[in-house]
Amino acid sequence: DAYKIQAKSDLHILPNSTVTKIVDKRLLKDYYYINATISVENSGLLDASDTTLLIKADGNEVKKDIIPELPIGSVFIRTYINLPVAGNFSTIQIIVDSEDAINELDEGNNLLTLEL
């Protein structure tokens, strides 16, 4: 009994997730975009209910999306093409369960920060 843990889900961003910064230089203005492929796995002990996926550039929200229910051991993959960003940026944050709706085994693995 001393080694038992409560069964919970555990969502985390897989290391094969990628983000690319795109700069479209026009005559008088530069436009910034993100291309991303994000893989999220449920490596917990319970199915995970649907939750949020949030992408931020330098702390500003770029995209908020829904991750559907994920059974134990399953992976959700979402690809985004040409997501517009308000201005130049150097840091991307990908946050799973950004509203902390799911009680997970490890709440500390829901954030991936990338320096571009």
N, C-alpha and C. Protein backbone atom coordinates (compact mmCIF):
# COMPACT_ATOMS: atom_id res chain seq x y z
N ASP A 1 0.81 -1.20 0.00
CA ASP A 1 0.00 0.00 0.00
C ASP A 1 0.85 1.27 0.00
N ALA A 2 2.06 1.21 0.53
CA ALA A 2 2.91 2.40 0.60
C ALA A 2 3.33 2.88 -0.78
N TYR A 3 3.29 2.00 -1.79
CA TYR A 3 3.76 2.37 -3.12
C TYR A 3 2.61 2.65 -4.09
N LYS A 4 1.39 2.59 -3.63
CA LYS A 4 0.27 2.86 -4.51
C LYS A 4 0.14 4.35 -4.76
N ILE A 5 -0.20 4.68 -6.01
CA ILE A 5 -0.49 6.07 -6.35
C ILE A 5 -1.89 6.12 -6.95
N GLN A 6 -2.52 7.25 -6.82
CA GLN A 6 -3.85 7.43 -7.39
C GLN A 6 -3.75 7.43 -8.91
N ALA A 7 -4.65 6.70 -9.56
CA ALA A 7 -4.65 6.65 -11.02
C ALA A 7 -5.08 8.02 -11.57
N LYS A 8 -4.22 8.59 -12.40
CA LYS A 8 -4.50 9.87 -13.04
C LYS A 8 -3.95 9.83 -14.46
N SER A 9 -4.40 10.72 -15.29
CA SER A 9 -3.81 10.86 -16.62
C SER A 9 -2.54 11.70 -16.50
N ASP A 10 -1.75 11.72 -17.56
CA ASP A 10 -0.53 12.55 -17.58
C ASP A 10 -0.24 12.96 -19.01
N LEU A 11 -0.65 14.16 -19.36
CA LEU A 11 -0.39 14.70 -20.69
C LEU A 11 0.97 15.38 -20.72
N HIS A 12 1.72 15.15 -21.80
CA HIS A 12 2.98 15.87 -21.97
C HIS A 12 3.28 16.03 -23.45
N ILE A 13 4.07 17.05 -23.75
CA ILE A 13 4.45 17.37 -25.12
C ILE A 13 5.66 16.53 -25.48
N LEU A 14 5.56 15.81 -26.58
CA LEU A 14 6.66 14.94 -27.01
C LEU A 14 7.81 15.74 -27.62
N PRO A 15 9.02 15.25 -27.49
CA PRO A 15 10.19 15.99 -28.00
C PRO A 15 10.26 16.09 -29.52
N ASN A 16 9.44 15.34 -30.25
CA ASN A 16 9.45 15.47 -31.72
C ASN A 16 8.60 16.63 -32.20
N SER A 17 8.01 17.39 -31.28
CA SER A 17 7.24 18.58 -31.65
C SER A 17 8.18 19.64 -32.22
N THR A 18 7.73 20.33 -33.25
CA THR A 18 8.58 21.33 -33.92
C THR A 18 7.85 22.64 -34.10
N VAL A 19 8.60 23.73 -34.06
CA VAL A 19 8.08 25.06 -34.33
C VAL A 19 9.09 25.79 -35.22
N THR A 20 8.59 26.43 -36.26
CA THR A 20 9.44 27.19 -37.17
C THR A 20 8.91 28.62 -37.25
N LYS A 21 9.83 29.57 -37.16
CA LYS A 21 9.50 30.99 -37.29
C LYS A 21 9.64 31.39 -38.75
N ILE A 22 8.65 32.10 -39.27
CA ILE A 22 8.68 32.56 -40.65
C ILE A 22 8.56 34.08 -40.66
N VAL A 23 9.44 34.73 -41.41
CA VAL A 23 9.39 36.18 -41.57
C VAL A 23 9.13 36.47 -43.04
N ASP A 24 8.03 37.17 -43.30
CA ASP A 24 7.66 37.58 -44.65
C ASP A 24 8.00 39.06 -44.77
N LYS A 25 9.12 39.35 -45.42
CA LYS A 25 9.58 40.74 -45.54
C LYS A 25 8.94 41.38 -46.77
N ARG A 26 8.14 42.39 -46.48
CA ARG A 26 7.50 43.16 -47.56
C ARG A 26 8.19 44.51 -47.64
N LEU A 27 7.79 45.32 -48.57
CA LEU A 27 8.44 46.60 -48.83
C LEU A 27 8.55 47.46 -47.57
N LEU A 28 7.46 47.67 -46.86
CA LEU A 28 7.46 48.57 -45.72
C LEU A 28 7.26 47.89 -44.38
N LYS A 29 6.98 46.58 -44.38
CA LYS A 29 6.67 45.93 -43.13
C LYS A 29 7.06 44.45 -43.18
N ASP A 30 7.44 43.93 -42.01
CA ASP A 30 7.70 42.50 -41.87
C ASP A 30 6.49 41.85 -41.21
N TYR A 31 6.13 40.65 -41.68
CA TYR A 31 5.03 39.88 -41.12
C TYR A 31 5.61 38.59 -40.56
N TYR A 32 5.12 38.17 -39.38
CA TYR A 32 5.67 37.03 -38.68
C TYR A 32 4.62 35.93 -38.54
N TYR A 33 5.09 34.69 -38.73
CA TYR A 33 4.21 33.52 -38.69
C TYR A 33 4.92 32.38 -37.97
N ILE A 34 4.11 31.40 -37.56
CA ILE A 34 4.63 30.17 -36.96
C ILE A 34 4.06 28.98 -37.73
N ASN A 35 4.93 28.04 -38.05
CA ASN A 35 4.51 26.71 -38.48
C ASN A 35 4.87 25.77 -37.33
N ALA A 36 3.94 24.90 -36.95
CA ALA A 36 4.20 24.02 -35.81
C ALA A 36 3.54 22.67 -36.01
N THR A 37 4.22 21.65 -35.56
CA THR A 37 3.63 20.32 -35.42
C THR A 37 3.84 19.92 -33.97
N ILE A 38 2.73 19.73 -33.27
CA ILE A 38 2.77 19.48 -31.83
C ILE A 38 2.20 18.10 -31.55
N SER A 39 2.97 17.29 -30.82
CA SER A 39 2.55 15.95 -30.43
C SER A 39 2.38 15.90 -28.92
N VAL A 40 1.21 15.45 -28.48
CA VAL A 40 0.89 15.36 -27.05
C VAL A 40 0.52 13.91 -26.75
N GLU A 41 1.12 13.36 -25.71
CA GLU A 41 0.86 11.97 -25.32
C GLU A 41 0.24 11.91 -23.94
N ASN A 42 -0.65 10.95 -23.76
CA ASN A 42 -1.18 10.64 -22.43
C ASN A 42 -0.43 9.40 -21.93
N SER A 43 0.55 9.62 -21.06
CA SER A 43 1.34 8.51 -20.52
C SER A 43 0.90 8.17 -19.09
N GLY A 44 -0.30 8.59 -18.75
CA GLY A 44 -0.80 8.35 -17.41
C GLY A 44 -1.49 7.01 -17.24
N LEU A 45 -2.27 6.93 -16.18
CA LEU A 45 -2.94 5.69 -15.80
C LEU A 45 -4.45 5.75 -16.03
N LEU A 46 -4.93 6.88 -16.53
CA LEU A 46 -6.35 7.07 -16.86
C LEU A 46 -6.47 7.80 -18.19
N ASP A 47 -7.61 7.61 -18.85
CA ASP A 47 -7.90 8.42 -20.04
C ASP A 47 -7.97 9.88 -19.63
N ALA A 48 -7.56 10.77 -20.52
CA ALA A 48 -7.61 12.21 -20.26
C ALA A 48 -8.81 12.80 -21.00
N SER A 49 -9.58 13.62 -20.30
CA SER A 49 -10.70 14.30 -20.95
C SER A 49 -10.15 15.39 -21.87
N ASP A 50 -11.01 15.94 -22.72
CA ASP A 50 -10.55 17.00 -23.62
C ASP A 50 -10.07 18.20 -22.80
N THR A 51 -9.10 18.90 -23.36
CA THR A 51 -8.48 20.01 -22.65
C THR A 51 -7.92 21.00 -23.65
N THR A 52 -7.22 22.00 -23.17
CA THR A 52 -6.72 23.07 -24.03
C THR A 52 -5.26 22.88 -24.42
N LEU A 53 -4.93 23.44 -25.58
CA LEU A 53 -3.56 23.57 -26.05
C LEU A 53 -3.38 25.04 -26.37
N LEU A 54 -2.36 25.65 -25.80
CA LEU A 54 -2.13 27.08 -25.97
C LEU A 54 -0.73 27.31 -26.52
N ILE A 55 -0.64 28.17 -27.53
CA ILE A 55 0.65 28.58 -28.09
C ILE A 55 0.81 30.07 -27.83
N LYS A 56 1.96 30.43 -27.26
CA LYS A 56 2.28 31.83 -26.98
C LYS A 56 3.61 32.20 -27.64
N ALA A 57 3.70 33.43 -28.09
CA ALA A 57 4.95 34.00 -28.62
C ALA A 57 5.32 35.18 -27.73
N ASP A 58 6.45 35.09 -27.06
CA ASP A 58 6.89 36.12 -26.11
C ASP A 58 5.77 36.49 -25.12
N GLY A 59 5.04 35.48 -24.65
CA GLY A 59 4.00 35.67 -23.64
C GLY A 59 2.64 36.06 -24.18
N ASN A 60 2.52 36.31 -25.48
CA ASN A 60 1.24 36.71 -26.08
C ASN A 60 0.58 35.52 -26.77
N GLU A 61 -0.71 35.35 -26.52
CA GLU A 61 -1.43 34.22 -27.11
C GLU A 61 -1.45 34.31 -28.63
N VAL A 62 -1.07 33.19 -29.26
CA VAL A 62 -1.11 33.08 -30.72
C VAL A 62 -2.27 32.18 -31.15
N LYS A 63 -2.44 31.06 -30.43
CA LYS A 63 -3.49 30.11 -30.79
C LYS A 63 -3.92 29.33 -29.55
N LYS A 64 -5.22 29.20 -29.40
CA LYS A 64 -5.79 28.35 -28.35
C LYS A 64 -6.65 27.32 -29.05
N ASP A 65 -6.45 26.05 -28.70
CA ASP A 65 -7.12 24.98 -29.39
C ASP A 65 -7.59 23.94 -28.38
N ILE A 66 -8.35 22.98 -28.84
CA ILE A 66 -8.84 21.90 -27.99
C ILE A 66 -8.13 20.60 -28.35
N ILE A 67 -7.62 19.92 -27.34
CA ILE A 67 -7.11 18.56 -27.51
C ILE A 67 -8.28 17.64 -27.14
N PRO A 68 -8.67 16.74 -28.03
CA PRO A 68 -9.79 15.86 -27.70
C PRO A 68 -9.40 14.85 -26.62
N GLU A 69 -10.37 14.12 -26.12
CA GLU A 69 -10.10 13.08 -25.13
C GLU A 69 -9.00 12.15 -25.63
N LEU A 70 -8.05 11.86 -24.73
CA LEU A 70 -6.93 10.98 -25.10
C LEU A 70 -6.93 9.74 -24.21
N PRO A 71 -7.15 8.57 -24.80
CA PRO A 71 -7.05 7.34 -24.01
C PRO A 71 -5.60 7.10 -23.55
N ILE A 72 -5.44 6.24 -22.59
CA ILE A 72 -4.11 5.89 -22.07
C ILE A 72 -3.21 5.46 -23.23
N GLY A 73 -2.00 6.00 -23.29
CA GLY A 73 -1.00 5.61 -24.28
C GLY A 73 -1.19 6.21 -25.66
N SER A 74 -2.20 7.02 -25.86
CA SER A 74 -2.43 7.57 -27.20
C SER A 74 -1.73 8.90 -27.38
N VAL A 75 -1.55 9.27 -28.65
CA VAL A 75 -0.86 10.50 -29.02
C VAL A 75 -1.78 11.33 -29.91
N PHE A 76 -1.83 12.63 -29.63
CA PHE A 76 -2.57 13.60 -30.44
C PHE A 76 -1.55 14.45 -31.17
N ILE A 77 -1.71 14.59 -32.49
CA ILE A 77 -0.79 15.41 -33.30
C ILE A 77 -1.60 16.47 -34.02
N ARG A 78 -1.15 17.72 -33.90
CA ARG A 78 -1.83 18.82 -34.58
C ARG A 78 -0.76 19.64 -35.31
N THR A 79 -1.05 19.98 -36.57
CA THR A 79 -0.14 20.79 -37.37
C THR A 79 -0.81 22.13 -37.67
N TYR A 80 -0.04 23.19 -37.50
CA TYR A 80 -0.51 24.55 -37.80
C TYR A 80 0.41 25.14 -38.86
N ILE A 81 -0.20 25.78 -39.85
CA ILE A 81 0.56 26.39 -40.94
C ILE A 81 0.24 27.88 -40.97
N ASN A 82 1.28 28.70 -41.00
CA ASN A 82 1.15 30.16 -41.12
C ASN A 82 0.24 30.79 -40.07
N LEU A 83 0.47 30.44 -38.80
CA LEU A 83 -0.24 31.12 -37.72
C LEU A 83 0.33 32.53 -37.59
N PRO A 84 -0.47 33.57 -37.76
CA PRO A 84 0.07 34.92 -37.68
C PRO A 84 0.43 35.30 -36.24
N VAL A 85 1.54 36.01 -36.11
CA VAL A 85 2.01 36.53 -34.83
C VAL A 85 2.07 38.04 -34.96
N ALA A 86 1.66 38.74 -33.89
CA ALA A 86 1.51 40.21 -33.96
C ALA A 86 2.79 40.95 -34.29
N GLY A 87 3.93 40.45 -33.89
CA GLY A 87 5.20 41.12 -34.15
C GLY A 87 6.35 40.15 -34.01
N ASN A 88 7.56 40.67 -34.07
CA ASN A 88 8.74 39.82 -33.94
C ASN A 88 8.74 39.16 -32.56
N PHE A 89 9.32 37.99 -32.47
CA PHE A 89 9.35 37.24 -31.22
C PHE A 89 10.59 36.37 -31.17
N SER A 90 10.96 35.95 -29.96
CA SER A 90 12.13 35.08 -29.80
C SER A 90 11.83 33.81 -29.02
N THR A 91 10.69 33.77 -28.32
CA THR A 91 10.36 32.62 -27.49
C THR A 91 8.95 32.13 -27.80
N ILE A 92 8.83 30.81 -27.92
CA ILE A 92 7.54 30.16 -28.10
C ILE A 92 7.28 29.28 -26.89
N GLN A 93 6.07 29.35 -26.37
CA GLN A 93 5.64 28.44 -25.30
C GLN A 93 4.46 27.64 -25.82
N ILE A 94 4.53 26.33 -25.61
CA ILE A 94 3.42 25.44 -25.90
C ILE A 94 2.96 24.90 -24.56
N ILE A 95 1.67 25.08 -24.26
CA ILE A 95 1.15 24.70 -22.94
C ILE A 95 -0.03 23.76 -23.14
N VAL A 96 0.07 22.58 -22.55
CA VAL A 96 -1.01 21.60 -22.56
C VAL A 96 -1.80 21.75 -21.27
N ASP A 97 -3.10 21.64 -21.34
CA ASP A 97 -3.98 21.80 -20.18
C ASP A 97 -3.71 23.16 -19.53
N SER A 98 -3.73 24.20 -20.36
CA SER A 98 -3.37 25.55 -19.91
C SER A 98 -4.32 26.09 -18.86
N GLU A 99 -5.52 25.53 -18.78
CA GLU A 99 -6.47 25.98 -17.77
C GLU A 99 -6.46 25.07 -16.54
N ASP A 100 -5.53 24.12 -16.51
CA ASP A 100 -5.34 23.21 -15.38
C ASP A 100 -6.63 22.47 -15.02
N ALA A 101 -7.33 21.99 -16.05
CA ALA A 101 -8.62 21.32 -15.85
C ALA A 101 -8.45 19.84 -15.49
N ILE A 102 -7.29 19.26 -15.81
CA ILE A 102 -7.07 17.83 -15.57
C ILE A 102 -6.11 17.66 -14.40
N ASN A 103 -6.48 16.83 -13.45
CA ASN A 103 -5.61 16.47 -12.33
C ASN A 103 -4.66 15.38 -12.82
N GLU A 104 -3.38 15.70 -12.97
CA GLU A 104 -2.42 14.80 -13.60
C GLU A 104 -1.38 14.26 -12.62
N LEU A 105 -0.73 13.18 -13.04
CA LEU A 105 0.36 12.62 -12.25
C LEU A 105 1.50 13.62 -12.12
N ASP A 106 1.83 14.31 -13.22
CA ASP A 106 2.93 15.28 -13.22
C ASP A 106 2.44 16.57 -13.89
N GLU A 107 2.13 17.56 -13.10
CA GLU A 107 1.66 18.85 -13.63
C GLU A 107 2.82 19.67 -14.21
N GLY A 108 4.05 19.27 -13.92
CA GLY A 108 5.21 20.05 -14.33
C GLY A 108 5.68 19.80 -15.75
N ASN A 109 5.07 18.85 -16.46
CA ASN A 109 5.55 18.56 -17.81
C ASN A 109 4.60 19.03 -18.90
N ASN A 110 3.79 20.04 -18.58
CA ASN A 110 2.80 20.54 -19.53
C ASN A 110 3.27 21.76 -20.32
N LEU A 111 4.50 22.16 -20.15
CA LEU A 111 5.03 23.36 -20.81
C LEU A 111 6.30 23.03 -21.56
N LEU A 112 6.35 23.49 -22.80
CA LEU A 112 7.57 23.40 -23.61
C LEU A 112 7.91 24.82 -24.05
N THR A 113 9.11 25.27 -23.73
CA THR A 113 9.57 26.60 -24.12
C THR A 113 10.69 26.45 -25.15
N LEU A 114 10.57 27.15 -26.26
CA LEU A 114 11.55 27.09 -27.33
C LEU A 114 12.07 28.50 -27.63
N GLU A 115 13.37 28.62 -27.71
CA GLU A 115 14.00 29.87 -28.11
C GLU A 115 14.27 29.78 -29.61
N LEU A 116 13.77 30.76 -30.36
CA LEU A 116 13.95 30.75 -31.81
C LEU A 116 14.88 31.86 -32.25
